[in-house]
């Protein structure tokens, strides 16, 4: 069984639903293909996922002698984090809740 290399990013101020769109693009791809794809993606979470990917690559190269060209994104999970609860004033003294969601992103790489 090949070893997996992990990187975790917590409390990113982007909703998990929006981060999952970018995560679905790169899941299962080779590292260099994923970096190229994230570079041209216009979503706000693309630079965040790209930074996490470079961190996971750095973790893999510091732990063991790994060929970076053979690394693949084996797992990429996006979970919901804490929610900031705010209120917006509305007509006639009412208020509506605003939920500012955060994400926890976990990425695992393995060598093929």
N, C-alpha and C. Protein backbone atom coordinates (compact mmCIF):
# COMPACT_ATOMS: atom_id res chain seq x y z
N UNK A 1 0.84 -1.18 0.00
CA UNK A 1 0.00 0.00 0.00
C UNK A 1 0.88 1.25 0.00
N UNK A 2 0.59 2.17 -0.87
CA UNK A 2 1.40 3.38 -0.95
C UNK A 2 0.97 4.37 0.14
N UNK A 3 1.91 5.17 0.56
CA UNK A 3 1.67 6.13 1.63
C UNK A 3 0.91 7.34 1.08
N UNK A 4 0.07 7.92 1.93
CA UNK A 4 -0.69 9.11 1.54
C UNK A 4 -0.12 10.32 2.27
N UNK A 5 -0.14 11.45 1.59
CA UNK A 5 0.37 12.71 2.13
C UNK A 5 -0.79 13.67 2.22
N UNK A 6 -0.91 14.34 3.37
CA UNK A 6 -2.13 15.06 3.71
C UNK A 6 -1.86 16.53 3.96
N UNK A 7 -2.84 17.37 3.61
CA UNK A 7 -2.83 18.79 3.96
C UNK A 7 -4.26 19.19 4.30
N UNK A 8 -4.41 20.00 5.34
CA UNK A 8 -5.73 20.40 5.81
C UNK A 8 -5.79 21.92 5.92
N UNK A 9 -6.88 22.49 5.48
CA UNK A 9 -7.12 23.93 5.60
C UNK A 9 -8.46 24.12 6.28
N UNK A 10 -8.46 24.85 7.37
CA UNK A 10 -9.69 25.01 8.16
C UNK A 10 -10.17 26.46 8.17
N UNK A 11 -11.47 26.60 8.35
CA UNK A 11 -12.14 27.90 8.52
C UNK A 11 -11.89 28.86 7.37
N UNK A 12 -12.03 28.36 6.14
CA UNK A 12 -11.95 29.22 4.96
C UNK A 12 -13.30 29.91 4.82
N UNK A 13 -13.29 31.22 4.64
CA UNK A 13 -14.55 31.97 4.60
C UNK A 13 -15.21 31.92 3.22
N UNK A 14 -15.39 30.72 2.72
CA UNK A 14 -16.14 30.48 1.49
C UNK A 14 -17.09 29.32 1.80
N UNK A 15 -18.31 29.40 1.30
CA UNK A 15 -19.30 28.36 1.57
C UNK A 15 -18.85 27.02 0.98
N UNK A 16 -19.08 25.92 1.70
CA UNK A 16 -18.64 24.61 1.23
C UNK A 16 -19.24 24.23 -0.13
N UNK A 17 -20.44 24.66 -0.38
CA UNK A 17 -21.10 24.36 -1.65
C UNK A 17 -20.32 24.94 -2.83
N UNK A 18 -19.74 26.10 -2.63
CA UNK A 18 -18.98 26.76 -3.69
C UNK A 18 -17.59 26.15 -3.84
N UNK A 19 -17.00 25.71 -2.73
CA UNK A 19 -15.67 25.10 -2.80
C UNK A 19 -15.76 23.73 -3.45
N UNK A 20 -16.87 23.02 -3.23
CA UNK A 20 -17.04 21.68 -3.81
C UNK A 20 -17.06 21.71 -5.33
N UNK A 21 -17.52 22.80 -5.93
CA UNK A 21 -17.50 22.92 -7.39
C UNK A 21 -16.07 22.82 -7.93
N UNK A 22 -15.13 23.49 -7.25
CA UNK A 22 -13.73 23.45 -7.67
C UNK A 22 -13.10 22.11 -7.29
N UNK A 23 -13.48 21.59 -6.13
CA UNK A 23 -12.92 20.31 -5.69
C UNK A 23 -13.28 19.18 -6.65
N UNK A 24 -14.49 19.21 -7.19
CA UNK A 24 -14.92 18.18 -8.12
C UNK A 24 -14.13 18.24 -9.43
N UNK A 25 -13.62 19.41 -9.78
CA UNK A 25 -12.83 19.56 -11.01
C UNK A 25 -11.50 18.81 -10.91
N UNK A 26 -10.85 18.86 -9.76
CA UNK A 26 -9.48 18.37 -9.65
C UNK A 26 -9.35 17.02 -8.95
N UNK A 27 -10.41 16.51 -8.36
CA UNK A 27 -10.34 15.25 -7.64
C UNK A 27 -9.97 14.11 -8.60
N UNK A 28 -8.95 13.34 -8.24
CA UNK A 28 -8.52 12.21 -9.04
C UNK A 28 -7.51 12.54 -10.13
N UNK A 29 -7.17 13.80 -10.27
CA UNK A 29 -6.23 14.21 -11.33
C UNK A 29 -4.79 14.16 -10.82
N UNK A 30 -3.85 14.14 -11.77
CA UNK A 30 -2.46 14.25 -11.40
C UNK A 30 -2.17 15.68 -10.95
N UNK A 31 -1.13 15.84 -10.16
CA UNK A 31 -0.86 17.10 -9.49
C UNK A 31 -0.62 18.24 -10.49
N UNK A 32 0.19 18.01 -11.50
CA UNK A 32 0.50 19.08 -12.44
C UNK A 32 -0.73 19.47 -13.27
N UNK A 33 -1.55 18.48 -13.65
CA UNK A 33 -2.78 18.78 -14.39
C UNK A 33 -3.74 19.59 -13.52
N UNK A 34 -3.81 19.25 -12.24
CA UNK A 34 -4.70 19.97 -11.32
C UNK A 34 -4.24 21.41 -11.13
N UNK A 35 -2.93 21.63 -10.99
CA UNK A 35 -2.41 23.00 -10.83
C UNK A 35 -2.70 23.84 -12.08
N UNK A 36 -2.53 23.24 -13.26
CA UNK A 36 -2.82 23.97 -14.49
C UNK A 36 -4.30 24.31 -14.60
N UNK A 37 -5.15 23.38 -14.20
CA UNK A 37 -6.59 23.60 -14.26
C UNK A 37 -7.03 24.68 -13.26
N UNK A 38 -6.44 24.66 -12.08
CA UNK A 38 -6.80 25.66 -11.06
C UNK A 38 -6.32 27.05 -11.45
N UNK A 39 -5.24 27.11 -12.22
CA UNK A 39 -4.71 28.40 -12.63
C UNK A 39 -5.66 29.15 -13.57
N UNK A 40 -6.42 28.40 -14.38
CA UNK A 40 -7.32 29.04 -15.34
C UNK A 40 -8.77 29.09 -14.86
N UNK A 41 -9.06 28.48 -13.72
CA UNK A 41 -10.42 28.50 -13.18
C UNK A 41 -10.69 29.86 -12.55
N UNK A 42 -11.87 30.41 -12.83
CA UNK A 42 -12.20 31.76 -12.38
C UNK A 42 -12.96 31.81 -11.05
N UNK A 43 -13.19 30.68 -10.44
CA UNK A 43 -13.90 30.66 -9.15
C UNK A 43 -13.02 31.23 -8.04
N UNK A 44 -13.66 31.81 -7.03
CA UNK A 44 -12.93 32.43 -5.92
C UNK A 44 -12.18 31.42 -5.07
N UNK A 45 -12.65 30.19 -5.05
CA UNK A 45 -12.00 29.17 -4.24
C UNK A 45 -10.84 28.49 -4.96
N UNK A 46 -10.62 28.77 -6.23
CA UNK A 46 -9.54 28.12 -6.98
C UNK A 46 -8.15 28.43 -6.41
N UNK A 47 -7.82 29.70 -6.09
CA UNK A 47 -6.50 29.95 -5.48
C UNK A 47 -6.34 29.29 -4.11
N UNK A 48 -7.42 29.16 -3.38
CA UNK A 48 -7.37 28.52 -2.06
C UNK A 48 -7.02 27.04 -2.21
N UNK A 49 -7.69 26.36 -3.12
CA UNK A 49 -7.43 24.93 -3.36
C UNK A 49 -6.04 24.75 -3.95
N UNK A 50 -5.62 25.68 -4.79
CA UNK A 50 -4.28 25.62 -5.38
C UNK A 50 -3.20 25.74 -4.30
N UNK A 51 -3.40 26.65 -3.36
CA UNK A 51 -2.45 26.81 -2.26
C UNK A 51 -2.40 25.57 -1.38
N UNK A 52 -3.56 24.96 -1.16
CA UNK A 52 -3.60 23.73 -0.37
C UNK A 52 -2.88 22.60 -1.10
N UNK A 53 -3.01 22.55 -2.42
CA UNK A 53 -2.33 21.53 -3.21
C UNK A 53 -0.82 21.70 -3.16
N UNK A 54 -0.34 22.92 -3.25
CA UNK A 54 1.11 23.14 -3.15
C UNK A 54 1.61 22.79 -1.75
N UNK A 55 0.80 23.02 -0.74
CA UNK A 55 1.16 22.64 0.62
C UNK A 55 1.25 21.13 0.76
N UNK A 56 0.30 20.42 0.15
CA UNK A 56 0.33 18.96 0.20
C UNK A 56 1.54 18.39 -0.54
N UNK A 57 1.92 19.03 -1.64
CA UNK A 57 3.11 18.61 -2.38
C UNK A 57 4.36 18.84 -1.53
N UNK A 58 4.42 19.98 -0.85
CA UNK A 58 5.55 20.27 0.03
C UNK A 58 5.63 19.27 1.18
N UNK A 59 4.47 18.89 1.73
CA UNK A 59 4.45 17.88 2.79
C UNK A 59 4.98 16.55 2.28
N UNK A 60 4.60 16.19 1.06
CA UNK A 60 5.03 14.90 0.49
C UNK A 60 6.54 14.89 0.24
N UNK A 61 7.08 15.99 -0.28
CA UNK A 61 8.50 16.02 -0.60
C UNK A 61 9.36 16.14 0.66
N UNK A 62 8.84 16.72 1.71
CA UNK A 62 9.63 16.84 2.94
C UNK A 62 9.64 15.53 3.74
N UNK A 63 8.57 14.75 3.63
CA UNK A 63 8.48 13.51 4.38
C UNK A 63 9.34 12.40 3.80
N UNK A 64 9.31 12.27 2.46
CA UNK A 64 10.02 11.15 1.82
C UNK A 64 10.48 11.58 0.44
N UNK A 65 11.27 10.73 -0.18
CA UNK A 65 11.69 11.00 -1.55
C UNK A 65 10.57 10.56 -2.48
N UNK A 66 9.85 11.52 -2.99
CA UNK A 66 8.66 11.25 -3.80
C UNK A 66 8.85 11.90 -5.16
N UNK A 67 8.46 11.18 -6.21
CA UNK A 67 8.44 11.74 -7.55
C UNK A 67 7.17 12.55 -7.70
N UNK A 68 7.29 13.87 -7.81
CA UNK A 68 6.14 14.77 -7.84
C UNK A 68 5.27 14.51 -9.07
N UNK A 69 5.88 14.07 -10.17
CA UNK A 69 5.11 13.83 -11.39
C UNK A 69 4.18 12.63 -11.26
N UNK A 70 4.42 11.77 -10.28
CA UNK A 70 3.58 10.59 -10.09
C UNK A 70 2.54 10.76 -9.00
N UNK A 71 2.44 11.94 -8.40
CA UNK A 71 1.45 12.18 -7.35
C UNK A 71 0.07 12.44 -7.95
N UNK A 72 -0.94 11.89 -7.28
CA UNK A 72 -2.34 12.04 -7.71
C UNK A 72 -3.16 12.47 -6.50
N UNK A 73 -4.17 13.30 -6.74
CA UNK A 73 -5.08 13.70 -5.67
C UNK A 73 -6.03 12.54 -5.42
N UNK A 74 -5.80 11.79 -4.35
CA UNK A 74 -6.62 10.61 -4.09
C UNK A 74 -7.91 10.97 -3.36
N UNK A 75 -7.83 11.91 -2.43
CA UNK A 75 -9.03 12.34 -1.69
C UNK A 75 -9.04 13.85 -1.60
N UNK A 76 -10.21 14.43 -1.76
CA UNK A 76 -10.39 15.87 -1.59
C UNK A 76 -11.77 16.07 -1.01
N UNK A 77 -11.82 16.35 0.30
CA UNK A 77 -13.09 16.49 1.00
C UNK A 77 -13.29 17.94 1.41
N UNK A 78 -14.52 18.40 1.27
CA UNK A 78 -14.89 19.74 1.70
C UNK A 78 -16.04 19.59 2.69
N UNK A 79 -15.80 19.97 3.93
CA UNK A 79 -16.81 19.87 4.98
C UNK A 79 -17.16 21.27 5.46
N UNK A 80 -18.32 21.38 6.05
CA UNK A 80 -18.75 22.66 6.60
C UNK A 80 -18.06 22.96 7.90
N UNK A 81 -17.72 24.21 8.10
CA UNK A 81 -17.10 24.64 9.35
C UNK A 81 -18.11 25.40 10.20
N UNK A 82 -17.61 26.26 11.04
CA UNK A 82 -18.50 27.05 11.88
C UNK A 82 -19.23 28.08 11.02
N UNK A 83 -20.37 28.51 11.49
CA UNK A 83 -21.21 29.46 10.76
C UNK A 83 -21.30 30.75 11.57
N UNK A 84 -20.96 31.86 10.92
CA UNK A 84 -21.11 33.17 11.56
C UNK A 84 -22.55 33.62 11.35
N UNK A 85 -23.24 33.92 12.44
CA UNK A 85 -24.65 34.29 12.33
C UNK A 85 -24.78 35.79 12.46
N UNK A 86 -25.34 36.40 11.46
CA UNK A 86 -25.56 37.85 11.42
C UNK A 86 -27.03 38.12 11.12
N UNK A 87 -27.45 39.36 11.32
CA UNK A 87 -28.83 39.73 11.03
C UNK A 87 -28.87 40.98 10.18
N UNK A 88 -29.81 41.00 9.25
CA UNK A 88 -29.99 42.17 8.39
C UNK A 88 -31.33 42.81 8.73
N UNK A 89 -31.33 44.11 9.00
CA UNK A 89 -32.59 44.78 9.32
C UNK A 89 -33.51 44.82 8.09
N UNK A 90 -34.79 44.62 8.33
CA UNK A 90 -35.78 44.65 7.26
C UNK A 90 -36.91 45.60 7.63
N UNK A 91 -37.89 45.63 6.82
CA UNK A 91 -38.99 46.59 7.00
C UNK A 91 -39.80 46.29 8.26
N UNK A 92 -40.36 47.33 8.83
CA UNK A 92 -41.29 47.27 9.97
C UNK A 92 -40.66 46.62 11.19
N UNK A 93 -39.36 46.87 11.43
CA UNK A 93 -38.70 46.42 12.63
C UNK A 93 -38.31 44.95 12.64
N UNK A 94 -38.43 44.29 11.53
CA UNK A 94 -38.06 42.87 11.48
C UNK A 94 -36.58 42.71 11.16
N UNK A 95 -36.11 41.48 11.28
CA UNK A 95 -34.72 41.17 10.92
C UNK A 95 -34.68 39.77 10.30
N UNK A 96 -33.83 39.61 9.31
CA UNK A 96 -33.67 38.29 8.71
C UNK A 96 -32.25 37.79 8.99
N UNK A 97 -32.11 36.49 9.24
CA UNK A 97 -30.78 35.96 9.53
C UNK A 97 -29.92 35.85 8.28
N UNK A 98 -28.64 36.10 8.44
CA UNK A 98 -27.64 35.90 7.40
C UNK A 98 -26.67 34.85 7.97
N UNK A 99 -26.40 33.80 7.20
CA UNK A 99 -25.48 32.75 7.65
C UNK A 99 -24.23 32.81 6.79
N UNK A 100 -23.11 33.19 7.39
CA UNK A 100 -21.83 33.26 6.69
C UNK A 100 -21.08 31.97 6.96
N UNK A 101 -21.05 31.11 5.97
CA UNK A 101 -20.53 29.76 6.17
C UNK A 101 -19.02 29.69 5.95
N UNK A 102 -18.38 28.74 6.62
CA UNK A 102 -16.95 28.49 6.44
C UNK A 102 -16.76 27.03 6.04
N UNK A 103 -15.57 26.73 5.52
CA UNK A 103 -15.27 25.39 5.02
C UNK A 103 -14.01 24.82 5.65
N UNK A 104 -13.98 23.50 5.77
CA UNK A 104 -12.78 22.76 6.12
C UNK A 104 -12.44 21.90 4.90
N UNK A 105 -11.23 22.07 4.36
CA UNK A 105 -10.82 21.34 3.17
C UNK A 105 -9.69 20.38 3.55
N UNK A 106 -9.83 19.11 3.19
CA UNK A 106 -8.82 18.09 3.47
C UNK A 106 -8.42 17.46 2.14
N UNK A 107 -7.11 17.43 1.88
CA UNK A 107 -6.60 16.87 0.62
C UNK A 107 -5.55 15.81 0.94
N UNK A 108 -5.66 14.67 0.25
CA UNK A 108 -4.67 13.60 0.39
C UNK A 108 -4.12 13.25 -0.98
N UNK A 109 -2.79 13.13 -1.04
CA UNK A 109 -2.11 12.76 -2.27
C UNK A 109 -1.51 11.38 -2.09
N UNK A 110 -1.45 10.63 -3.19
CA UNK A 110 -0.74 9.35 -3.15
C UNK A 110 0.05 9.19 -4.44
N UNK A 111 1.08 8.37 -4.35
CA UNK A 111 1.94 8.15 -5.51
C UNK A 111 1.46 6.92 -6.27
N UNK A 112 1.34 7.06 -7.58
CA UNK A 112 0.90 5.92 -8.39
C UNK A 112 2.08 5.25 -9.06
